[in-house]
Amino acid sequence: MTVLSMEEFLEKECGDHNYELEDYEAEVPRWCKGCGDHGVLTSVQKLLRDRKINPEDVICVSGIGCSSRFPHYLKTYGFHGIHGRALTLSEGVALARPDLHLLTVMGDGDCFSIGGNHWIHALRYNFNATVIVLDNEIYGLTKKQASPTTRQGVVTNTTPKGAYLKSLNPLTLMLGVTNISFLAQTATWLPGHLDNTLNKAWDHKGLSFVRILQRCPAYLSSSFEATGPDFPAVFLEGEGGIAVDKGMLQKASVIQHDHHNLLEAQKVALTETPSPMGLIYYDPNVPTYGDIRRRRIKTLDRPGLIAGLNAELDKYTVKQQHG
């Protein structure tokens, strides 16, 4: 029988663990065969494993949609919220539990449509979170309705004669929001690049926003040119950026890009074809809302505020008469 000292026991139980992917697996995913969500889930699990992050030190927050089942399949703390409200819940988590790693997962409809107002202001607040949007250009869970990123002319159940409007470009919109600090784009059919992108986003202090292009095999299998080797993409390369991994897109070009330059980032974002892959914009100097708030609270004259409050309340005190 081996007897351990208290220090040895604590080191064994509470020290660094060599986790396996299975340690981050919860329920068996119910996504369709061929859905890109599977690849994103695996990429996140690999990230947690490689960094030896304790499952109890992570919380995954989502809204409503196929991608929003993420918390059920990731063995961490989870909060499956309501439609379009994942970012509001995430902001509360970020402020109340800054010690946790926060992952927010949404779909294109969940974030860009019903959650559009929260999306814009979450970027402005720049709270500390890794935010990923799995954009398949369609509502999948409710069976093929047009989303804001559905391309013009695409036939859906809500646009039987084809979508009338040109699709929303979320990249250009985000680059017009004050305080945006991290914006990147990747795709589920580029597993190496996906891994590199999520790791870069995870290291960022502030709101790192990653748009992940993916094909819905059930309701819009023709999107993104069926994700073949001829998909039009351009990889962004720059010092301190995301390492280029072309995967199947060996024909794609690579361009030098200054991700610290907002005007250059906006120019890149305007070019939807070919799709830019990599770190589009990065400003590590934008303060997080949590840091601003904590500095503000710490600099308040707490004793003075209490004394002032007591003095104000004393005005309404009924003094007992002693006869």
Protein backbone atom coordinates (compact mmCIF):
# COMPACT_ATOMS: atom_id res chain seq x y z
CA MET A 1 0.00 0.00 0.00
CA THR A 2 1.37 3.39 -1.03
CA VAL A 3 0.98 6.23 1.44
CA LEU A 4 0.98 9.76 0.01
CA SER A 5 1.73 12.91 1.90
CA MET A 6 -0.84 15.70 1.76
CA GLU A 7 1.37 17.63 -0.67
CA GLU A 8 1.73 14.60 -2.94
CA PHE A 9 -2.00 13.93 -2.86
CA LEU A 10 -2.89 17.52 -3.73
CA GLU A 11 -0.34 17.57 -6.54
CA LYS A 12 -1.78 14.34 -7.94
CA GLU A 13 -5.39 15.49 -7.71
CA CYS A 14 -5.07 19.21 -8.40
CA GLY A 15 -1.95 19.50 -10.52
CA ASP A 16 -1.71 19.53 -14.30
CA HIS A 17 -3.60 16.68 -15.94
CA ASN A 18 -2.85 15.00 -19.23
CA TYR A 19 -6.33 15.23 -20.67
CA GLU A 20 -7.67 13.26 -23.63
CA LEU A 21 -10.35 14.38 -26.09
CA GLU A 22 -12.79 12.09 -24.28
CA ASP A 23 -12.44 14.25 -21.17
CA TYR A 24 -14.23 17.05 -23.04
CA GLU A 25 -16.93 14.87 -24.60
CA ALA A 26 -20.47 14.94 -23.21
CA GLU A 27 -23.55 13.79 -25.15
CA VAL A 28 -23.22 12.18 -28.57
CA PRO A 29 -23.71 14.99 -31.13
CA ARG A 30 -26.99 14.86 -33.03
CA TRP A 31 -25.88 17.05 -35.92
CA CYS A 32 -26.41 15.76 -39.44
CA LYS A 33 -23.78 13.63 -41.13
CA GLY A 34 -21.36 15.94 -42.92
CA CYS A 35 -22.25 19.01 -40.83
CA GLY A 36 -19.28 21.26 -40.16
CA ASP A 37 -20.30 21.63 -36.51
CA HIS A 38 -18.61 18.28 -35.83
CA GLY A 39 -15.26 19.65 -36.97
CA VAL A 40 -15.56 22.82 -34.90
CA LEU A 41 -16.42 20.81 -31.79
CA THR A 42 -13.36 18.61 -32.31
CA SER A 43 -11.17 21.67 -32.86
CA VAL A 44 -12.33 23.21 -29.58
CA GLN A 45 -11.79 19.93 -27.73
CA LYS A 46 -8.26 19.66 -29.16
CA LEU A 47 -7.53 23.22 -28.04
CA LEU A 48 -8.63 22.48 -24.47
CA ARG A 49 -6.71 19.21 -24.39
CA ASP A 50 -3.48 20.66 -25.76
CA ARG A 51 -3.59 23.51 -23.25
CA LYS A 52 -4.47 21.17 -20.37
CA ILE A 53 -7.43 23.32 -19.41
CA ASN A 54 -9.62 21.88 -16.68
CA PRO A 55 -13.18 21.31 -17.95
CA GLU A 56 -14.54 23.07 -14.87
CA ASP A 57 -12.59 26.22 -15.81
CA VAL A 58 -14.56 26.68 -19.05
CA ILE A 59 -18.12 27.79 -19.75
CA CYS A 60 -19.81 27.53 -23.14
CA VAL A 61 -22.78 29.83 -23.81
CA SER A 62 -25.07 29.56 -26.83
CA GLY A 63 -28.37 30.81 -28.21
CA ILE A 64 -30.75 28.80 -30.40
CA GLY A 65 -29.98 26.85 -33.56
CA CYS A 66 -28.04 23.81 -34.72
CA SER A 67 -24.72 25.27 -33.60
CA SER A 68 -26.22 26.27 -30.27
CA ARG A 69 -26.36 22.64 -29.15
CA PHE A 70 -22.63 23.04 -28.51
CA PRO A 71 -22.91 23.19 -24.68
CA HIS A 72 -24.64 19.79 -24.69
CA TYR A 73 -21.69 18.16 -26.45
CA LEU A 74 -18.79 19.92 -24.72
CA LYS A 75 -18.06 18.60 -21.24
CA THR A 76 -17.63 21.95 -19.51
CA TYR A 77 -20.04 24.27 -17.78
CA GLY A 78 -22.73 25.27 -20.27
CA PHE A 79 -25.63 27.65 -20.72
CA HIS A 80 -28.05 26.98 -23.60
CA GLY A 81 -29.81 30.32 -23.79
CA ILE A 82 -32.62 31.77 -25.88
CA HIS A 83 -32.68 32.97 -29.46
CA GLY A 84 -30.36 35.88 -30.15
CA ARG A 85 -29.37 36.40 -26.52
CA ALA A 86 -26.14 34.41 -26.24
CA LEU A 87 -24.01 37.56 -26.11
CA THR A 88 -26.06 39.20 -23.35
CA LEU A 89 -25.71 36.06 -21.23
CA SER A 90 -22.01 35.94 -22.04
CA GLU A 91 -21.47 39.51 -20.91
CA GLY A 92 -23.01 38.67 -17.55
CA VAL A 93 -20.76 35.63 -17.22
CA ALA A 94 -17.68 37.65 -18.18
CA LEU A 95 -18.38 40.26 -15.51
CA ALA A 96 -19.45 37.86 -12.75
CA ARG A 97 -16.84 35.14 -13.35
CA PRO A 98 -13.75 36.63 -15.00
CA ASP A 99 -11.82 33.58 -13.79
CA LEU A 100 -13.58 31.30 -16.31
CA HIS A 101 -12.65 30.79 -19.96
CA LEU A 102 -15.73 31.94 -21.88
CA LEU A 103 -16.70 30.43 -25.24
CA THR A 104 -19.79 31.79 -27.02
CA VAL A 105 -21.24 29.84 -29.95
CA MET A 106 -23.92 31.10 -32.36
CA GLY A 107 -25.21 30.61 -35.88
CA ASP A 108 -25.72 33.25 -38.58
CA GLY A 109 -29.43 33.67 -37.89
CA ASP A 110 -28.97 33.65 -34.12
CA CYS A 111 -26.26 36.33 -34.17
CA PHE A 112 -26.84 38.46 -37.26
CA SER A 113 -30.67 38.54 -37.26
CA ILE A 114 -32.57 38.34 -33.97
CA GLY A 115 -29.36 38.94 -32.03
CA GLY A 116 -28.15 41.78 -34.22
CA ASN A 117 -28.55 44.53 -31.63
CA HIS A 118 -26.65 42.59 -28.97
CA TRP A 119 -24.00 41.60 -31.52
CA ILE A 120 -23.06 45.23 -32.25
CA HIS A 121 -22.92 46.33 -28.63
CA ALA A 122 -21.03 43.24 -27.48
CA LEU A 123 -18.26 44.22 -29.91
CA ARG A 124 -18.30 47.75 -28.49
CA TYR A 125 -18.07 46.51 -24.90
CA ASN A 126 -15.16 44.21 -25.77
CA PHE A 127 -15.68 41.90 -22.80
CA ASN A 128 -13.33 38.94 -22.51
CA ALA A 129 -14.70 36.03 -24.58
CA THR A 130 -13.99 33.84 -27.59
CA VAL A 131 -17.02 34.22 -29.85
CA ILE A 132 -17.55 31.93 -32.83
CA VAL A 133 -20.33 32.12 -35.39
CA LEU A 134 -20.93 29.06 -37.55
CA ASP A 135 -22.27 30.64 -40.73
CA ASN A 136 -23.95 28.24 -43.18
CA GLU A 137 -26.05 30.97 -44.83
CA ILE A 138 -29.35 29.31 -43.85
CA TYR A 139 -31.62 28.54 -40.90
CA GLY A 140 -31.05 24.81 -40.42
CA LEU A 141 -32.81 23.86 -37.18
CA THR A 142 -36.13 25.29 -38.40
CA LYS A 143 -35.68 23.68 -41.81
CA LYS A 144 -34.40 26.00 -44.55
CA GLN A 145 -35.42 29.62 -44.10
CA ALA A 146 -33.38 32.54 -45.44
CA SER A 147 -30.91 34.09 -43.01
CA PRO A 148 -29.20 37.50 -43.30
CA THR A 149 -26.24 35.86 -45.06
CA THR A 150 -28.32 33.83 -47.54
CA ARG A 151 -27.15 34.85 -51.00
CA GLN A 152 -29.35 36.69 -53.45
CA GLY A 153 -31.42 34.35 -55.61
CA VAL A 154 -31.19 31.33 -53.29
CA VAL A 155 -34.51 29.47 -52.99
CA THR A 156 -35.61 28.73 -49.42
CA ASN A 157 -38.93 28.05 -47.70
CA THR A 158 -39.32 31.76 -46.98
CA THR A 159 -38.02 32.88 -50.40
CA PRO A 160 -39.61 30.41 -52.87
CA LYS A 161 -38.75 32.71 -55.78
CA GLY A 162 -35.24 33.32 -54.55
CA ALA A 163 -33.88 35.74 -51.94
CA TYR A 164 -34.53 39.28 -53.12
CA LEU A 165 -31.80 41.08 -51.22
CA LYS A 166 -28.05 40.91 -51.45
CA SER A 167 -26.68 39.07 -48.42
CA LEU A 168 -25.33 40.86 -45.38
CA ASN A 169 -21.56 41.17 -45.14
CA PRO A 170 -20.96 40.83 -41.39
CA LEU A 171 -17.24 41.53 -41.71
CA THR A 172 -17.67 45.05 -43.05
CA LEU A 173 -20.33 45.83 -40.45
CA MET A 174 -18.15 44.71 -37.55
CA LEU A 175 -15.20 46.77 -38.74
CA GLY A 176 -17.36 49.87 -38.38
CA VAL A 177 -18.04 49.25 -34.69
CA THR A 178 -16.06 51.20 -32.10
CA ASN A 179 -13.73 49.11 -29.91
CA ILE A 180 -13.61 46.00 -32.11
CA SER A 181 -10.36 44.30 -31.16
CA PHE A 182 -10.17 40.93 -32.97
CA LEU A 183 -11.81 39.70 -36.17
CA ALA A 184 -10.89 36.54 -38.08
CA GLN A 185 -12.44 34.23 -40.65
CA THR A 186 -11.89 30.55 -41.39
CA ALA A 187 -13.83 27.53 -42.66
CA THR A 188 -14.76 24.07 -41.42
CA TRP A 189 -13.22 22.36 -44.46
CA LEU A 190 -9.81 23.82 -43.52
CA PRO A 191 -9.14 21.93 -40.27
CA GLY A 192 -5.54 23.07 -39.88
CA HIS A 193 -6.43 26.72 -40.44
CA LEU A 194 -9.47 26.35 -38.18
CA ASP A 195 -7.25 25.07 -35.36
CA ASN A 196 -4.75 27.90 -35.85
CA THR A 197 -7.53 30.50 -35.87
CA LEU A 198 -9.23 29.28 -32.69
CA ASN A 199 -5.91 29.14 -30.87
CA LYS A 200 -5.09 32.71 -31.87
CA ALA A 201 -8.56 33.85 -30.79
CA TRP A 202 -8.27 32.04 -27.46
CA ASP A 203 -5.07 33.93 -26.59
CA HIS A 204 -6.64 37.35 -27.17
CA LYS A 205 -7.68 39.40 -24.15
CA GLY A 206 -10.98 40.95 -25.17
CA LEU A 207 -13.74 39.83 -27.50
CA SER A 208 -12.24 37.71 -30.25
CA PHE A 209 -14.81 37.21 -33.02
CA VAL A 210 -14.34 34.30 -35.42
CA ARG A 211 -16.66 33.77 -38.35
CA ILE A 212 -16.52 30.14 -39.48
CA LEU A 213 -17.89 29.36 -42.93
CA GLN A 214 -19.58 25.99 -43.19
CA ARG A 215 -21.86 24.10 -45.54
CA CYS A 216 -25.25 22.76 -44.45
CA PRO A 217 -25.45 19.30 -46.09
CA ALA A 218 -29.18 18.99 -45.42
CA TYR A 219 -30.66 22.29 -46.59
CA LEU A 220 -28.04 24.19 -48.59
CA SER A 221 -25.51 21.71 -49.86
CA SER A 222 -24.62 23.94 -52.82
CA SER A 223 -23.26 26.79 -50.67
CA PHE A 224 -19.60 27.79 -50.82
CA GLU A 225 -19.17 25.99 -54.15
CA ALA A 226 -19.74 22.72 -52.26
CA THR A 227 -16.43 23.37 -50.45
CA GLY A 228 -14.32 21.77 -53.14
CA PRO A 229 -10.67 22.51 -53.96
CA ASP A 230 -11.72 25.32 -56.31
CA PHE A 231 -13.43 27.36 -53.59
CA PRO A 232 -12.31 30.99 -54.15
CA ALA A 233 -10.28 32.02 -51.11
CA VAL A 234 -7.31 34.21 -50.30
CA PHE A 235 -5.18 33.61 -47.22
CA LEU A 236 -3.99 36.57 -45.16
CA GLU A 237 -0.40 36.48 -43.96
CA GLY A 238 1.22 38.94 -41.61
CA GLU A 239 3.58 39.20 -38.68
CA GLY A 240 1.87 37.86 -35.57
CA GLY A 241 -1.14 36.72 -37.60
CA ILE A 242 -2.69 33.31 -38.12
CA ALA A 243 -0.40 30.69 -39.64
CA VAL A 244 -1.48 29.86 -43.19
CA ASP A 245 -2.65 26.29 -43.73
CA LYS A 246 -4.21 25.90 -47.18
CA GLY A 247 -5.46 22.37 -46.68
CA MET A 248 -7.33 21.36 -49.84
CA LEU A 249 -7.19 24.89 -51.27
CA GLN A 250 -3.72 24.61 -52.76
CA LYS A 251 -4.69 26.89 -55.66
CA ALA A 252 -5.60 29.76 -53.31
CA SER A 253 -3.31 32.76 -53.20
CA VAL A 254 -1.59 34.24 -50.15
CA ILE A 255 -1.34 38.00 -49.65
CA GLN A 256 0.52 40.11 -47.12
CA HIS A 257 -1.90 41.89 -44.82
CA ASP A 258 -1.40 44.39 -41.99
CA HIS A 259 -4.08 43.32 -39.53
CA HIS A 260 -3.35 46.34 -37.32
CA ASN A 261 -4.48 48.71 -40.08
CA LEU A 262 -8.24 49.29 -39.91
CA LEU A 263 -8.49 50.71 -43.43
CA GLU A 264 -6.66 47.71 -44.89
CA ALA A 265 -8.93 45.40 -42.91
CA GLN A 266 -12.02 47.13 -44.26
CA LYS A 267 -10.71 46.82 -47.79
CA VAL A 268 -10.10 43.08 -47.32
CA ALA A 269 -13.54 42.59 -45.79
CA LEU A 270 -15.24 44.24 -48.76
CA THR A 271 -13.88 41.52 -51.04
CA GLU A 272 -16.32 38.66 -50.51
CA THR A 273 -14.98 36.70 -53.50
CA PRO A 274 -12.40 35.39 -52.97
CA SER A 275 -13.19 34.92 -49.28
CA PRO A 276 -10.46 36.23 -46.97
CA MET A 277 -9.12 33.59 -44.57
CA GLY A 278 -7.09 34.63 -41.56
CA LEU A 279 -6.72 37.47 -39.08
CA ILE A 280 -8.52 40.44 -40.59
CA TYR A 281 -8.17 42.96 -37.77
CA TYR A 282 -6.37 42.98 -34.44
CA ASP A 283 -5.96 45.71 -31.82
CA PRO A 284 -4.72 44.35 -28.48
CA ASN A 285 -4.74 47.84 -26.96
CA VAL A 286 -8.52 48.13 -26.70
CA PRO A 287 -9.36 47.80 -22.98
CA THR A 288 -11.90 45.19 -21.95
CA TYR A 289 -15.13 46.33 -20.36
CA GLY A 290 -14.33 44.25 -17.28
CA ASP A 291 -11.01 46.04 -16.75
CA ILE A 292 -12.60 49.46 -17.22
CA ARG A 293 -15.38 48.62 -14.80
CA ARG A 294 -13.04 47.21 -12.16
CA ARG A 295 -10.74 50.26 -12.37
CA ARG A 296 -13.75 52.50 -11.96
CA ILE A 297 -14.99 50.65 -8.90
CA LYS A 298 -11.54 50.55 -7.30
CA THR A 299 -11.03 54.29 -7.67
CA LEU A 300 -14.32 55.22 -6.02
CA ASP A 301 -14.12 56.80 -2.56
CA ARG A 302 -16.01 54.02 -0.84
CA PRO A 303 -15.85 55.43 2.73
CA GLY A 304 -16.88 58.83 1.45
CA LEU A 305 -19.82 57.36 -0.47
CA ILE A 306 -21.01 55.45 2.60
CA ALA A 307 -20.72 58.55 4.79
CA GLY A 308 -22.64 60.60 2.25
CA LEU A 309 -25.35 57.96 1.94
CA ASN A 310 -25.73 57.74 5.73
CA ALA A 311 -25.95 61.52 6.00
CA GLU A 312 -28.67 61.58 3.35
CA LEU A 313 -30.65 58.80 5.04
CA ASP A 314 -30.34 60.54 8.41
CA LYS A 315 -32.47 63.36 7.02
CA TYR A 316 -35.42 60.99 6.98
CA THR A 317 -34.79 59.43 10.38
CA VAL A 318 -37.59 59.90 12.89
CA LYS A 319 -35.96 60.60 16.20
CA GLN A 320 -37.63 59.09 19.23
CA GLN A 321 -38.79 61.62 21.82
CA HIS A 322 -37.90 60.78 25.40
CA GLY A 323 -40.24 62.34 27.94
